[in-house]
C-alpha atoms as a PDB file:
ATOM      1  CA  UNK A   1      -8.187 -22.434 -21.581  1.00  0.00           C
ATOM      2  CA  UNK A   2     -11.457 -23.878 -20.301  1.00  0.00           C
ATOM      3  CA  UNK A   3      -9.929 -27.198 -19.286  1.00  0.00           C
ATOM      4  CA  UNK A   4      -7.071 -25.552 -17.454  1.00  0.00           C
ATOM      5  CA  UNK A   5      -9.508 -23.149 -15.761  1.00  0.00           C
ATOM      6  CA  UNK A   6     -11.638 -26.037 -14.524  1.00  0.00           C
ATOM      7  CA  UNK A   7      -8.592 -27.814 -13.143  1.00  0.00           C
ATOM      8  CA  UNK A   8      -7.388 -24.607 -11.466  1.00  0.00           C
ATOM      9  CA  UNK A   9     -10.727 -24.297  -9.684  1.00  0.00           C
ATOM     10  CA  UNK A  10     -10.497 -27.906  -8.445  1.00  0.00           C
ATOM     11  CA  UNK A  11      -6.887 -27.453  -7.338  1.00  0.00           C
ATOM     12  CA  UNK A  12      -7.597 -24.210  -5.504  1.00  0.00           C
ATOM     13  CA  UNK A  13     -10.423 -25.788  -3.543  1.00  0.00           C
ATOM     14  CA  UNK A  14      -7.966 -28.423  -2.314  1.00  0.00           C
ATOM     15  CA  UNK A  15      -5.250 -25.952  -1.300  1.00  0.00           C
ATOM     16  CA  UNK A  16      -5.111 -24.061   1.979  1.00  0.00           C
ATOM     17  CA  UNK A  17      -6.653 -20.597   1.834  1.00  0.00           C
ATOM     18  CA  UNK A  18      -3.878 -19.031   3.935  1.00  0.00           C
ATOM     19  CA  UNK A  19      -1.158 -20.387   1.642  1.00  0.00           C
ATOM     20  CA  UNK A  20      -2.923 -19.104  -1.470  1.00  0.00           C
ATOM     21  CA  UNK A  21      -3.427 -15.706   0.149  1.00  0.00           C
ATOM     22  CA  UNK A  22       0.252 -15.413   1.078  1.00  0.00           C
ATOM     23  CA  UNK A  23       1.390 -16.252  -2.459  1.00  0.00           C
ATOM     24  CA  UNK A  24      -1.102 -13.799  -3.948  1.00  0.00           C
ATOM     25  CA  UNK A  25      -0.043 -10.928  -1.650  1.00  0.00           C
ATOM     26  CA  UNK A  26       3.604 -11.550  -2.531  1.00  0.00           C
ATOM     27  CA  UNK A  27       2.901 -11.361  -6.262  1.00  0.00           C
ATOM     28  CA  UNK A  28       0.606  -8.336  -5.998  1.00  0.00           C
ATOM     29  CA  UNK A  29       3.090  -6.249  -4.020  1.00  0.00           C
ATOM     30  CA  UNK A  30       5.865  -7.053  -6.496  1.00  0.00           C
ATOM     31  CA  UNK A  31       3.648  -5.980  -9.377  1.00  0.00           C
ATOM     32  CA  UNK A  32       2.924  -2.692  -7.589  1.00  0.00           C
ATOM     33  CA  UNK A  33       6.663  -2.070  -7.110  1.00  0.00           C
ATOM     34  CA  UNK A  34       7.450  -2.736 -10.781  1.00  0.00           C
ATOM     35  CA  UNK A  35       4.553  -0.549 -11.954  1.00  0.00           C
ATOM     36  CA  UNK A  36       5.672   2.327  -9.705  1.00  0.00           C
ATOM     37  CA  UNK A  37       9.267   1.949 -10.864  1.00  0.00           C
ATOM     38  CA  UNK A  38       8.315   2.101 -14.553  1.00  0.00           C
ATOM     39  CA  UNK A  39       5.629   4.771 -14.465  1.00  0.00           C
ATOM     40  CA  UNK A  40       5.857   6.698 -11.210  1.00  0.00           C
ATOM     41  CA  UNK A  41       3.953   6.634  -7.950  1.00  0.00           C
ATOM     42  CA  UNK A  42       0.751   8.414  -9.047  1.00  0.00           C
ATOM     43  CA  UNK A  43      -1.970   5.916 -10.054  1.00  0.00           C
ATOM     44  CA  UNK A  44      -3.963   8.630 -11.850  1.00  0.00           C
ATOM     45  CA  UNK A  45      -1.206   9.055 -14.429  1.00  0.00           C
ATOM     46  CA  UNK A  46       0.187   5.498 -14.272  1.00  0.00           C
ATOM     47  CA  UNK A  47      -2.473   3.139 -15.618  1.00  0.00           C
ATOM     48  CA  UNK A  48      -0.462   0.027 -14.860  1.00  0.00           C
ATOM     49  CA  UNK A  49      -0.083   1.067 -11.227  1.00  0.00           C
ATOM     50  CA  UNK A  50      -3.786   1.902 -11.073  1.00  0.00           C
ATOM     51  CA  UNK A  51      -4.576  -1.650 -12.219  1.00  0.00           C
ATOM     52  CA  UNK A  52      -2.100  -3.204  -9.782  1.00  0.00           C
ATOM     53  CA  UNK A  53      -3.512  -1.237  -6.862  1.00  0.00           C
ATOM     54  CA  UNK A  54      -7.075  -2.140  -7.847  1.00  0.00           C
ATOM     55  CA  UNK A  55      -6.139  -5.832  -7.890  1.00  0.00           C
ATOM     56  CA  UNK A  56      -4.430  -5.552  -4.510  1.00  0.00           C
ATOM     57  CA  UNK A  57      -7.420  -3.821  -2.973  1.00  0.00           C
ATOM     58  CA  UNK A  58      -9.766  -6.457  -4.410  1.00  0.00           C
ATOM     59  CA  UNK A  59      -7.597  -9.093  -2.695  1.00  0.00           C
ATOM     60  CA  UNK A  60      -7.820  -7.178   0.611  1.00  0.00           C
ATOM     61  CA  UNK A  61      -4.144  -6.255   0.744  1.00  0.00           C
ATOM     62  CA  UNK A  62      -3.685  -3.729   3.555  1.00  0.00           C
ATOM     63  CA  UNK A  63      -3.548  -0.054   2.596  1.00  0.00           C
ATOM     64  CA  UNK A  64      -0.196   0.398   4.378  1.00  0.00           C
ATOM     65  CA  UNK A  65       1.279  -2.544   2.452  1.00  0.00           C
ATOM     66  CA  UNK A  66       0.141  -1.062  -0.853  1.00  0.00           C
ATOM     67  CA  UNK A  67       1.529   2.384  -0.026  1.00  0.00           C
ATOM     68  CA  UNK A  68       4.857   0.900   1.086  1.00  0.00           C
ATOM     69  CA  UNK A  69       5.149  -1.107  -2.130  1.00  0.00           C
ATOM     70  CA  UNK A  70       4.501   2.025  -4.200  1.00  0.00           C
ATOM     71  CA  UNK A  71       7.173   3.958  -2.332  1.00  0.00           C
ATOM     72  CA  UNK A  72       9.696   1.138  -2.674  1.00  0.00           C
ATOM     73  CA  UNK A  73       9.060   0.861  -6.396  1.00  0.00           C
ATOM     74  CA  UNK A  74       9.343   4.603  -6.907  1.00  0.00           C
ATOM     75  CA  UNK A  75      12.625   4.714  -4.988  1.00  0.00           C
ATOM     76  CA  UNK A  76      11.208   6.652  -2.037  1.00  0.00           C
ATOM     77  CA  UNK A  77      12.153   3.831   0.352  1.00  0.00           C
ATOM     78  CA  UNK A  78      15.119   1.502   0.393  1.00  0.00           C
ATOM     79  CA  UNK A  79      14.392  -1.885  -1.097  1.00  0.00           C
ATOM     80  CA  UNK A  80      15.272  -4.385  -3.778  1.00  0.00           C
ATOM     81  CA  UNK A  81      15.273  -3.411  -7.433  1.00  0.00           C
ATOM     82  CA  UNK A  82      13.125  -5.661  -9.601  1.00  0.00           C
ATOM     83  CA  UNK A  83      12.911  -6.189 -13.349  1.00  0.00           C
ATOM     84  CA  UNK A  84      10.422  -8.041 -15.542  1.00  0.00           C
ATOM     85  CA  UNK A  85      11.359 -11.158 -17.483  1.00  0.00           C
ATOM     86  CA  UNK A  86       9.149 -13.143 -19.865  1.00  0.00           C
ATOM     87  CA  UNK A  87       9.792 -16.751 -20.854  1.00  0.00           C
ATOM     88  CA  UNK A  88       8.096 -18.795 -23.576  1.00  0.00           C
ATOM     89  CA  UNK A  89       7.963 -22.577 -23.522  1.00  0.00           C
ATOM     90  CA  UNK A  90       6.266 -25.705 -24.812  1.00  0.00           C
ATOM     91  CA  UNK A  91       4.797 -28.377 -22.556  1.00  0.00           C
ATOM     92  CA  UNK A  92       4.056 -31.974 -23.498  1.00  0.00           C
ATOM     93  CA  UNK A  93       1.862 -32.244 -26.593  1.00  0.00           C
ATOM     94  CA  UNK A  94       2.936 -28.880 -28.012  1.00  0.00           C
ATOM     95  CA  UNK A  95       1.011 -26.864 -25.427  1.00  0.00           C
ATOM     96  CA  UNK A  96       2.198 -23.241 -25.395  1.00  0.00           C
ATOM     97  CA  UNK A  97       3.169 -21.486 -22.161  1.00  0.00           C
ATOM     98  CA  UNK A  98       4.077 -17.875 -21.374  1.00  0.00           C
ATOM     99  CA  UNK A  99       5.699 -17.121 -18.013  1.00  0.00           C
ATOM    100  CA  UNK A 100       5.816 -13.604 -16.568  1.00  0.00           C
ATOM    101  CA  UNK A 101       8.366 -13.164 -13.790  1.00  0.00           C
ATOM    102  CA  UNK A 102       9.639 -10.299 -11.642  1.00  0.00           C
ATOM    103  CA  UNK A 103      13.152 -10.756 -10.292  1.00  0.00           C
ATOM    104  CA  UNK A 104      15.909  -8.924  -8.489  1.00  0.00           C
ATOM    105  CA  UNK A 105      18.500 -11.225 -10.087  1.00  0.00           C
ATOM    106  CA  UNK A 106      17.895 -12.456 -13.632  1.00  0.00           C
ATOM    107  CA  UNK A 107      21.012 -14.659 -13.556  1.00  0.00           C
ATOM    108  CA  UNK A 108      19.379 -16.689 -10.765  1.00  0.00           C
ATOM    109  CA  UNK A 109      15.819 -16.765 -12.067  1.00  0.00           C
ATOM    110  CA  UNK A 110      16.506 -17.769 -15.684  1.00  0.00           C
ATOM    111  CA  UNK A 111      18.424 -20.996 -14.907  1.00  0.00           C
ATOM    112  CA  UNK A 112      15.803 -21.942 -12.309  1.00  0.00           C
ATOM    113  CA  UNK A 113      12.938 -21.465 -14.788  1.00  0.00           C
ATOM    114  CA  UNK A 114      14.820 -23.450 -17.446  1.00  0.00           C
ATOM    115  CA  UNK A 115      15.417 -26.247 -14.937  1.00  0.00           C
ATOM    116  CA  UNK A 116      11.718 -26.443 -14.037  1.00  0.00           C
ATOM    117  CA  UNK A 117      10.720 -26.578 -17.703  1.00  0.00           C
ATOM    118  CA  UNK A 118      13.231 -29.307 -18.526  1.00  0.00           C
ATOM    119  CA  UNK A 119      12.404 -31.338 -15.417  1.00  0.00           C
ATOM    120  CA  UNK A 120       8.724 -31.507 -16.381  1.00  0.00           C
ATOM    121  CA  UNK A 121       9.170 -32.560 -19.989  1.00  0.00           C
ATOM    122  CA  UNK A 122       8.954 -29.102 -21.564  1.00  0.00           C
ATOM    123  CA  UNK A 123      11.278 -27.070 -23.715  1.00  0.00           C
ATOM    124  CA  UNK A 124      12.154 -23.380 -23.820  1.00  0.00           C
ATOM    125  CA  UNK A 125      10.891 -21.603 -26.951  1.00  0.00           C
ATOM    126  CA  UNK A 126      12.373 -18.806 -29.027  1.00  0.00           C
ATOM    127  CA  UNK A 127      11.036 -15.288 -28.331  1.00  0.00           C
ATOM    128  CA  UNK A 128       7.588 -14.741 -29.914  1.00  0.00           C
ATOM    129  CA  UNK A 129       7.258 -18.400 -30.938  1.00  0.00           C
ATOM    130  CA  UNK A 130       4.472 -18.800 -28.366  1.00  0.00           C
ATOM    131  CA  UNK A 131       3.511 -15.166 -27.780  1.00  0.00           C
ATOM    132  CA  UNK A 132       2.366 -14.830 -31.397  1.00  0.00           C
ATOM    133  CA  UNK A 133      -0.662 -17.053 -30.705  1.00  0.00           C
ATOM    134  CA  UNK A 134      -1.767 -14.952 -27.713  1.00  0.00           C
ATOM    135  CA  UNK A 135      -3.042 -11.429 -27.244  1.00  0.00           C
ATOM    136  CA  UNK A 136      -2.961  -9.074 -24.266  1.00  0.00           C
ATOM    137  CA  UNK A 137      -6.389  -8.351 -22.837  1.00  0.00           C
ATOM    138  CA  UNK A 138      -8.106  -7.360 -19.635  1.00  0.00           C
ATOM    139  CA  UNK A 139      -9.842 -10.306 -17.981  1.00  0.00           C
ATOM    140  CA  UNK A 140     -12.342 -10.484 -15.103  1.00  0.00           C
ATOM    141  CA  UNK A 141     -13.897 -13.748 -13.936  1.00  0.00           C
ATOM    142  CA  UNK A 142     -17.218 -13.411 -12.073  1.00  0.00           C
ATOM    143  CA  UNK A 143     -19.073 -16.372 -10.490  1.00  0.00           C
ATOM    144  CA  UNK A 144     -22.538 -16.830 -11.941  1.00  0.00           C
ATOM    145  CA  UNK A 145     -23.865 -16.863  -8.379  1.00  0.00           C
ATOM    146  CA  UNK A 146     -22.705 -13.253  -7.870  1.00  0.00           C
ATOM    147  CA  UNK A 147     -24.985 -11.534 -10.385  1.00  0.00           C
ATOM    148  CA  UNK A 148     -27.458 -12.136 -13.193  1.00  0.00           C
ATOM    149  CA  UNK A 149     -26.155 -12.073 -16.752  1.00  0.00           C
ATOM    150  CA  UNK A 150     -28.162  -9.109 -18.053  1.00  0.00           C
ATOM    151  CA  UNK A 151     -27.174  -6.499 -15.428  1.00  0.00           C
ATOM    152  CA  UNK A 152     -23.531  -7.630 -15.581  1.00  0.00           C
ATOM    153  CA  UNK A 153     -23.592  -7.392 -19.373  1.00  0.00           C
ATOM    154  CA  UNK A 154     -25.017  -3.874 -19.220  1.00  0.00           C
ATOM    155  CA  UNK A 155     -22.608  -2.720 -16.515  1.00  0.00           C
ATOM    156  CA  UNK A 156     -19.500  -4.107 -18.229  1.00  0.00           C
ATOM    157  CA  UNK A 157     -20.332  -2.868 -21.721  1.00  0.00           C
ATOM    158  CA  UNK A 158     -21.207   0.607 -20.448  1.00  0.00           C
ATOM    159  CA  UNK A 159     -17.824   0.717 -18.689  1.00  0.00           C
ATOM    160  CA  UNK A 160     -15.979  -0.191 -21.908  1.00  0.00           C
ATOM    161  CA  UNK A 161     -15.789  -4.011 -21.994  1.00  0.00           C
ATOM    162  CA  UNK A 162     -15.174  -5.701 -25.320  1.00  0.00           C
ATOM    163  CA  UNK A 163     -17.070  -8.926 -24.657  1.00  0.00           C
ATOM    164  CA  UNK A 164     -18.680 -11.120 -21.987  1.00  0.00           C
ATOM    165  CA  UNK A 165     -18.701 -14.911 -22.275  1.00  0.00           C
ATOM    166  CA  UNK A 166     -19.013 -18.030 -20.140  1.00  0.00           C
ATOM    167  CA  UNK A 167     -16.015 -20.288 -19.566  1.00  0.00           C
ATOM    168  CA  UNK A 168     -17.340 -23.478 -17.971  1.00  0.00           C
ATOM    169  CA  UNK A 169     -20.928 -22.659 -17.121  1.00  0.00           C
ATOM    170  CA  UNK A 170     -19.940 -21.514 -13.615  1.00  0.00           C
ATOM    171  CA  UNK A 171     -18.442 -18.105 -14.421  1.00  0.00           C
ATOM    172  CA  UNK A 172     -18.843 -15.055 -16.594  1.00  0.00           C
ATOM    173  CA  UNK A 173     -15.673 -13.829 -18.298  1.00  0.00           C
ATOM    174  CA  UNK A 174     -15.410 -10.102 -19.022  1.00  0.00           C
ATOM    175  CA  UNK A 175     -12.881  -9.293 -21.760  1.00  0.00           C
ATOM    176  CA  UNK A 176     -11.524  -5.775 -22.299  1.00  0.00           C
ATOM    177  CA  UNK A 177      -8.791  -4.014 -24.183  1.00  0.00           C
ATOM    178  CA  UNK A 178      -5.786  -3.535 -21.847  1.00  0.00           C
ATOM    179  CA  UNK A 179      -6.316   0.214 -21.686  1.00  0.00           C
ATOM    180  CA  UNK A 180      -9.987  -0.220 -20.720  1.00  0.00           C
ATOM    181  CA  UNK A 181      -9.390  -2.799 -17.973  1.00  0.00           C
ATOM    182  CA  UNK A 182      -8.991  -0.349 -15.072  1.00  0.00           C
ATOM    183  CA  UNK A 183     -12.280   1.419 -15.811  1.00  0.00           C
ATOM    184  CA  UNK A 184     -14.224  -1.839 -16.168  1.00  0.00           C
ATOM    185  CA  UNK A 185     -12.618  -3.342 -13.059  1.00  0.00           C
ATOM    186  CA  UNK A 186     -13.489  -0.257 -11.026  1.00  0.00           C
ATOM    187  CA  UNK A 187     -17.088  -0.336 -12.294  1.00  0.00           C
ATOM    188  CA  UNK A 188     -17.436  -3.963 -11.174  1.00  0.00           C
ATOM    189  CA  UNK A 189     -15.812  -3.227  -7.805  1.00  0.00           C
ATOM    190  CA  UNK A 190     -18.049  -0.217  -7.238  1.00  0.00           C
ATOM    191  CA  UNK A 191     -21.078  -2.537  -7.367  1.00  0.00           C
ATOM    192  CA  UNK A 192     -19.334  -4.888  -4.888  1.00  0.00           C
ATOM    193  CA  UNK A 193     -19.604  -7.784  -7.345  1.00  0.00           C
ATOM    194  CA  UNK A 194     -17.530 -10.801  -6.341  1.00  0.00           C
ATOM    195  CA  UNK A 195     -14.664 -11.686  -8.710  1.00  0.00           C
ATOM    196  CA  UNK A 196     -12.385 -14.735  -8.744  1.00  0.00           C
ATOM    197  CA  UNK A 197      -9.710 -13.481 -11.132  1.00  0.00           C
ATOM    198  CA  UNK A 198      -8.910 -10.048 -12.451  1.00  0.00           C
ATOM    199  CA  UNK A 199      -6.027  -8.571 -14.405  1.00  0.00           C
ATOM    200  CA  UNK A 200      -4.398  -7.838 -17.742  1.00  0.00           C
ATOM    201  CA  UNK A 201      -3.212 -11.145 -19.107  1.00  0.00           C
ATOM    202  CA  UNK A 202      -2.390 -13.188 -22.197  1.00  0.00           C
ATOM    203  CA  UNK A 203      -5.355 -14.927 -23.857  1.00  0.00           C
ATOM    204  CA  UNK A 204      -4.894 -17.506 -26.641  1.00  0.00           C
ATOM    205  CA  UNK A 205      -6.179 -16.404 -30.020  1.00  0.00           C
ATOM    206  CA  UNK A 206      -9.304 -18.154 -31.309  1.00  0.00           C
ATOM    207  CA  UNK A 207      -8.501 -21.552 -32.765  1.00  0.00           C
ATOM    208  CA  UNK A 208      -5.060 -21.853 -31.145  1.00  0.00           C
ATOM    209  CA  UNK A 209      -5.979 -23.877 -28.046  1.00  0.00           C
ATOM    210  CA  UNK A 210      -4.416 -27.336 -27.795  1.00  0.00           C
ATOM    211  CA  UNK A 211      -6.885 -29.958 -26.558  1.00  0.00           C
ATOM    212  CA  UNK A 212      -5.287 -32.790 -24.605  1.00  0.00           C
ATOM    213  CA  UNK A 213      -7.261 -36.031 -24.354  1.00  0.00           C
ATOM    214  CA  UNK A 214      -4.663 -38.238 -22.689  1.00  0.00           C
ATOM    215  CA  UNK A 215      -4.787 -37.915 -18.857  1.00  0.00           C
ATOM    216  CA  UNK A 216      -1.065 -38.645 -18.449  1.00  0.00           C
ATOM    217  CA  UNK A 217      -0.105 -35.994 -20.971  1.00  0.00           C
ATOM    218  CA  UNK A 218      -2.488 -33.515 -19.343  1.00  0.00           C
ATOM    219  CA  UNK A 219      -1.042 -34.340 -15.928  1.00  0.00           C
ATOM    220  CA  UNK A 220       2.507 -33.736 -17.186  1.00  0.00           C
ATOM    221  CA  UNK A 221       1.550 -30.346 -18.653  1.00  0.00           C
ATOM    222  CA  UNK A 222      -0.306 -29.345 -15.484  1.00  0.00           C
ATOM    223  CA  UNK A 223       2.614 -30.315 -13.261  1.00  0.00           C
ATOM    224  CA  UNK A 224       4.851 -28.032 -15.309  1.00  0.00           C
ATOM    225  CA  UNK A 225       2.368 -25.154 -15.092  1.00  0.00           C
ATOM    226  CA  UNK A 226       1.919 -25.637 -11.346  1.00  0.00           C
ATOM    227  CA  UNK A 227       5.680 -25.862 -10.717  1.00  0.00           C
ATOM    228  CA  UNK A 228       6.178 -22.596 -12.586  1.00  0.00           C
ATOM    229  CA  UNK A 229       3.338 -20.903 -10.688  1.00  0.00           C
ATOM    230  CA  UNK A 230       4.916 -21.913  -7.378  1.00  0.00           C
ATOM    231  CA  UNK A 231       8.279 -20.292  -8.169  1.00  0.00           C
ATOM    232  CA  UNK A 232       8.738 -17.189  -6.006  1.00  0.00           C
ATOM    233  CA  UNK A 233       9.671 -14.940  -8.929  1.00  0.00           C
ATOM    234  CA  UNK A 234       6.814 -15.973 -11.215  1.00  0.00           C
ATOM    235  CA  UNK A 235       3.913 -13.544 -11.384  1.00  0.00           C
ATOM    236  CA  UNK A 236       1.689 -15.409 -13.832  1.00  0.00           C
ATOM    237  CA  UNK A 237       1.622 -18.388 -16.186  1.00  0.00           C
ATOM    238  CA  UNK A 238      -0.554 -18.432 -19.313  1.00  0.00           C
ATOM    239  CA  UNK A 239      -1.295 -21.391 -21.548  1.00  0.00           C
ATOM    240  CA  UNK A 240      -3.388 -22.499 -24.507  1.00  0.00           C
ATOM    241  CA  UNK A 241      -3.970 -25.880 -22.847  1.00  0.00           C
ATOM    242  CA  UNK A 242      -7.518 -27.219 -23.028  1.00  0.00           C
ATOM    243  CA  UNK A 243      -8.133 -30.486 -21.181  1.00  0.00           C
ATOM    244  CA  UNK A 244     -10.932 -32.650 -22.559  1.00  0.00           C
ATOM    245  CA  UNK A 245     -13.799 -33.496 -20.209  1.00  0.00           C
ATOM    246  CA  UNK A 246     -12.802 -37.156 -20.249  1.00  0.00           C
ATOM    247  CA  UNK A 247      -9.222 -36.399 -19.206  1.00  0.00           C
ATOM    248  CA  UNK A 248     -10.441 -33.929 -16.586  1.00  0.00           C
ATOM    249  CA  UNK A 249     -12.590 -36.627 -14.941  1.00  0.00           C
ATOM    250  CA  UNK A 250      -9.508 -38.858 -14.583  1.00  0.00           C
ATOM    251  CA  UNK A 251      -7.451 -35.994 -13.136  1.00  0.00           C
ATOM    252  CA  UNK A 252     -10.132 -35.058 -10.615  1.00  0.00           C
ATOM    253  CA  UNK A 253     -10.472 -38.542  -9.122  1.00  0.00           C
END
């Protein structure tokens, strides 16, 4: 996903920081509520909640907001009831997309997601048609300016990381098994190392990325991904899109 990652970095620099922060807080608190609903309100025995809380803290979500989200999810406070929904789709050029959503009304969210996909030249896929070329893994993106490679390598591996790699020359990517993510994330946070992205996510299997060379086709796929990301119920969008350097130059102008 190197091409998509590069474009995301460009796009984020152009967006307003306050808007991005508001969207992020909204998604993080929903994830906390779902995690508490499914596994209880104690992060020590609910690994998913532990991860969600760690992500929220890393994003500077207020302690009171986190605690309120946990209580809502666990049913200790009145609030909406949310459920998880996953959608699989294809964008232009056969690019695979997985959409994770959290909704209080599936009958509203599903038609809206389908409409977005159709409007941007995509098509909904059968269950596991796209998911089969991805795997679940813990993922932490660290700017190269935050730390030298050797100490980060040592820290991450000692904490249980599976691998460390570079995505575009500007970041280190720490990869973990899902069950090891919380421990590695906490080890990185304890050293106050800056991170740009952190969570358990879908990663495309080796050799399954789709490289797009045509700028118009890349633009169409990116517009679909961005439209999905902007939907209120969508928590995350994953893709095996890789934009060639030549196409990326045209998109960045």
